[in-house]
Protein backbone atom coordinates (compact mmCIF):
# COMPACT_ATOMS: atom_id res chain seq x y z
CA MET A 1 24.64 125.43 55.20
CA THR A 2 24.43 121.72 54.47
CA VAL A 3 27.57 119.59 54.15
CA LEU A 4 28.02 115.98 53.00
CA VAL A 5 30.33 114.25 55.50
CA THR A 6 31.90 111.00 54.29
CA LEU A 7 34.22 108.91 56.44
CA THR A 8 36.54 106.82 54.24
CA LEU A 9 38.64 105.19 56.97
CA ALA A 10 37.35 104.11 60.37
CA GLY A 11 38.81 101.61 62.80
CA ALA A 12 36.78 98.65 64.03
CA ASP A 13 36.30 100.16 67.50
CA THR A 14 35.13 103.60 66.32
CA GLY A 15 31.67 105.12 66.60
CA PRO A 16 29.12 106.32 67.21
CA PHE A 17 30.21 109.84 66.33
CA ASN A 18 29.46 113.43 67.32
CA LEU A 19 30.02 116.10 64.65
CA TYR A 20 31.31 119.61 65.43
CA SER A 21 32.55 122.65 63.47
CA ASP A 22 35.43 125.04 63.98
CA SER A 23 32.92 127.90 63.98
CA ASP A 24 32.62 127.75 67.79
CA GLY A 25 35.88 125.96 68.60
CA TYR A 26 34.29 122.49 68.42
CA THR A 27 32.20 123.02 71.55
CA THR A 28 28.58 122.56 70.42
CA PRO A 29 27.74 119.35 68.55
CA LEU A 30 25.94 119.74 65.23
CA ALA A 31 24.89 116.07 65.38
CA THR A 32 25.27 113.37 68.04
CA GLY A 33 25.27 109.59 67.98
CA VAL A 34 25.79 109.31 64.23
CA ALA A 35 26.46 105.69 63.22
CA LYS A 36 29.73 104.80 61.49
CA SER A 37 27.76 103.18 58.65
CA ALA A 38 25.87 106.45 58.05
CA LEU A 39 29.15 108.40 57.81
CA GLN A 40 30.71 105.81 55.51
CA ALA A 41 27.67 106.02 53.21
CA GLY A 42 27.79 109.85 53.22
CA TYR A 43 25.95 111.73 55.97
CA THR A 44 24.08 114.95 55.14
CA LEU A 45 24.80 117.43 57.94
CA SER A 46 22.56 120.49 57.98
CA GLY A 47 22.78 123.55 60.20
CA VAL A 48 26.52 124.01 59.66
CA PRO A 49 27.42 127.65 60.45
CA ALA A 50 28.31 129.71 57.38
CA ASP A 51 31.75 130.59 58.76
CA ALA A 52 32.73 126.93 59.39
CA THR A 53 35.70 125.60 57.44
CA ILE A 54 36.31 122.31 59.29
CA ILE A 55 33.98 119.52 60.45
CA ARG A 56 35.29 117.44 63.36
CA THR A 57 34.09 113.82 63.45
CA SER A 58 34.62 112.60 67.01
CA SER A 59 34.18 108.95 68.02
CA THR A 60 32.39 108.57 71.36
CA GLY A 61 32.56 104.79 71.85
CA THR A 62 35.52 102.66 72.92
CA CYS A 63 37.77 104.72 70.68
CA THR A 64 37.64 108.44 71.47
CA ASN A 65 39.78 109.84 68.64
CA TYR A 66 38.59 112.36 66.10
CA ILE A 67 39.42 113.53 62.61
CA ASP A 68 39.10 117.04 61.21
CA MET A 69 37.74 117.32 57.66
CA LEU A 70 37.99 120.44 55.52
CA ILE A 71 34.76 121.67 54.00
CA ALA A 72 35.34 121.53 50.23
CA GLY A 73 33.69 124.87 49.38
CA VAL A 74 31.76 127.57 51.14
CA THR A 75 28.72 129.14 49.52
CA THR A 76 27.80 132.74 50.25
CA THR A 77 24.79 134.72 49.13
CA THR A 78 24.76 138.47 48.55
CA THR A 79 21.52 140.38 47.99
CA THR A 80 21.36 143.86 46.46
CA THR A 81 18.09 145.81 46.50
CA SER A 82 17.16 148.88 44.45
CA SER A 83 13.84 150.63 43.91
CA THR A 84 13.16 148.65 40.75
CA SER A 85 14.57 145.17 41.27
CA THR A 86 16.29 142.71 43.60
CA THR A 87 19.26 140.69 42.41
CA THR A 88 20.62 137.68 44.29
CA THR A 89 24.04 136.34 43.38
CA THR A 90 25.43 133.08 44.75
CA THR A 91 29.14 132.42 44.52
CA THR A 92 31.24 129.50 45.65
CA SER A 93 34.72 130.15 46.97
CA ALA A 94 37.52 127.80 46.10
CA PRO A 95 38.50 125.38 48.85
CA PRO A 96 41.86 125.88 50.52
CA VAL A 97 44.71 124.27 48.58
CA TYR A 98 47.05 121.84 50.33
CA ASP A 99 49.98 119.57 49.61
CA TYR A 100 49.47 116.07 51.08
CA TYR A 101 51.98 113.80 52.78
CA ILE A 102 52.37 110.61 54.79
CA ALA A 103 53.96 111.01 58.23
CA ASN A 104 54.91 109.27 61.43
CA GLU A 105 53.04 110.51 64.51
CA TYR A 106 54.92 110.99 67.78
CA ILE A 107 53.52 111.55 71.27
CA CYS A 108 55.37 114.19 73.27
CA ASP A 109 56.46 112.57 76.53
CA PHE A 110 59.16 114.79 77.90
CA PRO A 111 62.09 114.65 77.79
CA GLY A 112 61.62 112.82 74.45
CA CYS A 113 59.00 111.52 72.06
CA THR A 114 57.45 108.10 71.43
CA LEU A 115 56.41 106.82 68.01
CA ASN A 116 52.63 106.42 68.20
CA ALA A 117 51.54 105.63 64.62
CA THR A 118 52.85 105.40 61.07
CA ASN A 119 51.28 106.25 57.70
CA ILE A 120 49.21 109.18 58.99
CA ASN A 121 47.79 111.53 56.32
CA VAL A 122 48.91 115.12 56.89
CA ALA A 123 48.83 118.32 54.86
CA PHE A 124 50.55 121.69 54.63
CA PRO A 125 49.19 124.76 52.84
CA ALA A 126 50.18 124.46 49.17
CA GLY A 127 53.66 125.71 48.40
CA PHE A 128 55.02 125.34 51.93
CA SER A 129 58.54 123.89 51.82
CA TYR A 130 58.90 121.53 54.77
CA VAL A 131 62.34 120.42 55.95
CA SER A 132 63.12 116.71 55.75
CA ASP A 133 63.57 115.07 59.14
CA PHE A 134 61.90 118.00 60.95
CA TYR A 135 58.97 117.48 63.31
CA TYR A 136 55.81 119.62 62.96
CA SER A 137 52.82 120.09 65.25
CA ASP A 138 49.29 120.24 63.93
CA LEU A 139 46.90 123.18 64.20
CA VAL A 140 44.56 121.58 66.72
CA HIS A 141 46.26 119.07 69.01
CA SER A 142 48.99 119.64 71.54
CA GLY A 143 51.33 116.91 72.66
CA VAL A 144 51.56 115.33 69.20
CA VAL A 145 54.06 116.01 66.39
CA TYR A 146 54.54 114.59 62.90
CA GLN A 147 57.55 113.79 60.73
CA ILE A 148 57.00 113.59 56.95
CA THR A 149 58.00 110.31 55.30
CA SER A 150 56.62 110.70 51.75
CA SER A 151 54.15 112.61 49.60
CA THR A 152 50.69 111.33 48.71
CA THR A 153 47.52 112.35 46.92
CA GLU A 154 44.64 114.37 48.35
CA SER A 155 43.07 112.72 51.39
CA ILE A 156 41.42 113.53 54.69
CA SER A 157 44.41 114.82 56.61
CA VAL A 158 45.68 116.45 59.75
CA ILE A 159 46.62 120.05 58.88
CA LEU A 160 50.14 120.82 60.08
CA ASP A 161 51.41 124.11 61.43
CA THR A 162 53.99 125.83 59.21
CA ILE A 163 55.51 127.62 62.21
CA GLY A 164 57.78 125.89 64.67
CA GLY A 165 59.13 122.88 62.83
CA ASN A 166 62.21 121.55 64.59
CA SER A 167 64.89 118.93 64.02
CA VAL A 168 64.49 117.74 67.64
CA CYS A 169 61.17 116.09 68.44
CA ASN A 170 60.72 117.37 72.00
CA LEU A 171 61.54 120.94 70.92
CA ALA A 172 58.79 120.76 68.29
CA CYS A 173 56.46 119.60 71.09
CA SER A 174 56.89 122.85 72.97
CA VAL A 175 55.69 125.02 70.08
């Protein structure tokens, strides 16, 4: 499938970028050396596997961070053949639904945690009731936890794990 990838926030020292999908665990790049300006303008990425739900945009320059972006909708095609006709139906599934928040990001450095960044966009699956002052890990990274500070509108976000929230930062790190 083809996906439009648009980067709305990028630090001054980011780029160029490699793009991956969750289809193979982010191991094989779908595109390499993509300029930050191309992603900010909206980059058309073709060859995305049909079972992909997340595109990872990974900076390869001075900054080596990455951001995971949910694919807004997945298109599937079903073909039915009979002796008299062939019918092709295309349907689009609804994107996953999330509730969006702002959080502080902490690095796990046992025996405690160190505040690494503030105002990070995070999300939980819609309807999940998080506990104030609890720390939650995300679905991809280890060694990093987040503490919700406020709600926000839809944005590119780190998806948080609904299992293992803890009131003690270093205990949430071990989940």
